[in-house]
Amino acid sequence: MQHSSFWSLDLLLHLAIPALAGKLLLFLASSLASYSVDFI
């Protein structure tokens, strides 16, 4: 039971970290795009 809960937590981290990184990357890309549009 404890091992399976640890495994699910590990799986959750492995899924959550790329999702958070993807959201951060998308936010940076959109802000950079809006900045470059304002600059032009």
C-alpha atoms as a PDB file:
ATOM      1  CA  MET A   1       0.000   0.000   0.000  1.00  0.00           C
ATOM      2  CA  GLN A   2       2.697   2.467   1.025  1.00  0.00           C
ATOM      3  CA  HIS A   3       4.873   1.503  -1.934  1.00  0.00           C
ATOM      4  CA  SER A   4       2.002   2.003  -4.393  1.00  0.00           C
ATOM      5  CA  SER A   5       1.179   5.429  -2.915  1.00  0.00           C
ATOM      6  CA  PHE A   6       4.835   6.416  -3.273  1.00  0.00           C
ATOM      7  CA  TRP A   7       4.772   5.177  -6.875  1.00  0.00           C
ATOM      8  CA  SER A   8       1.666   7.228  -7.657  1.00  0.00           C
ATOM      9  CA  LEU A   9       3.287  10.302  -6.102  1.00  0.00           C
ATOM     10  CA  ASP A  10       6.413   9.718  -8.194  1.00  0.00           C
ATOM     11  CA  LEU A  11       4.276   9.324 -11.320  1.00  0.00           C
ATOM     12  CA  LEU A  12       2.357  12.487 -10.416  1.00  0.00           C
ATOM     13  CA  LEU A  13       5.621  14.420 -10.109  1.00  0.00           C
ATOM     14  CA  HIS A  14       6.853  13.045 -13.423  1.00  0.00           C
ATOM     15  CA  LEU A  15       3.621  14.248 -15.037  1.00  0.00           C
ATOM     16  CA  ALA A  16       3.333  17.555 -13.169  1.00  0.00           C
ATOM     17  CA  ILE A  17       6.885  18.816 -13.740  1.00  0.00           C
ATOM     18  CA  PRO A  18       6.765  18.713 -17.589  1.00  0.00           C
ATOM     19  CA  ALA A  19       3.242  20.183 -17.496  1.00  0.00           C
ATOM     20  CA  LEU A  20       4.404  23.095 -15.333  1.00  0.00           C
ATOM     21  CA  ALA A  21       7.499  23.572 -17.486  1.00  0.00           C
ATOM     22  CA  GLY A  22       5.309  23.557 -20.602  1.00  0.00           C
ATOM     23  CA  LYS A  23       2.967  26.168 -19.127  1.00  0.00           C
ATOM     24  CA  LEU A  24       5.927  28.342 -18.118  1.00  0.00           C
ATOM     25  CA  LEU A  25       7.480  27.982 -21.568  1.00  0.00           C
ATOM     26  CA  LEU A  26       4.152  28.832 -23.226  1.00  0.00           C
ATOM     27  CA  PHE A  27       3.788  31.894 -20.974  1.00  0.00           C
ATOM     28  CA  LEU A  28       7.326  33.059 -21.790  1.00  0.00           C
ATOM     29  CA  ALA A  29       6.769  32.510 -25.514  1.00  0.00           C
ATOM     30  CA  SER A  30       3.463  34.422 -25.516  1.00  0.00           C
ATOM     31  CA  SER A  31       4.901  37.322 -23.501  1.00  0.00           C
ATOM     32  CA  LEU A  32       7.951  37.438 -25.763  1.00  0.00           C
ATOM     33  CA  ALA A  33       5.692  37.404 -28.842  1.00  0.00           C
ATOM     34  CA  SER A  34       3.546  40.246 -27.494  1.00  0.00           C
ATOM     35  CA  TYR A  35       6.699  42.206 -26.598  1.00  0.00           C
ATOM     36  CA  SER A  36       8.153  41.741 -30.088  1.00  0.00           C
ATOM     37  CA  VAL A  37       4.810  42.799 -31.633  1.00  0.00           C
ATOM     38  CA  ASP A  38       4.818  45.936 -29.464  1.00  0.00           C
ATOM     39  CA  PHE A  39       8.443  46.560 -30.399  1.00  0.00           C
ATOM     40  CA  ILE A  40       7.686  46.337 -34.123  1.00  0.00           C
END
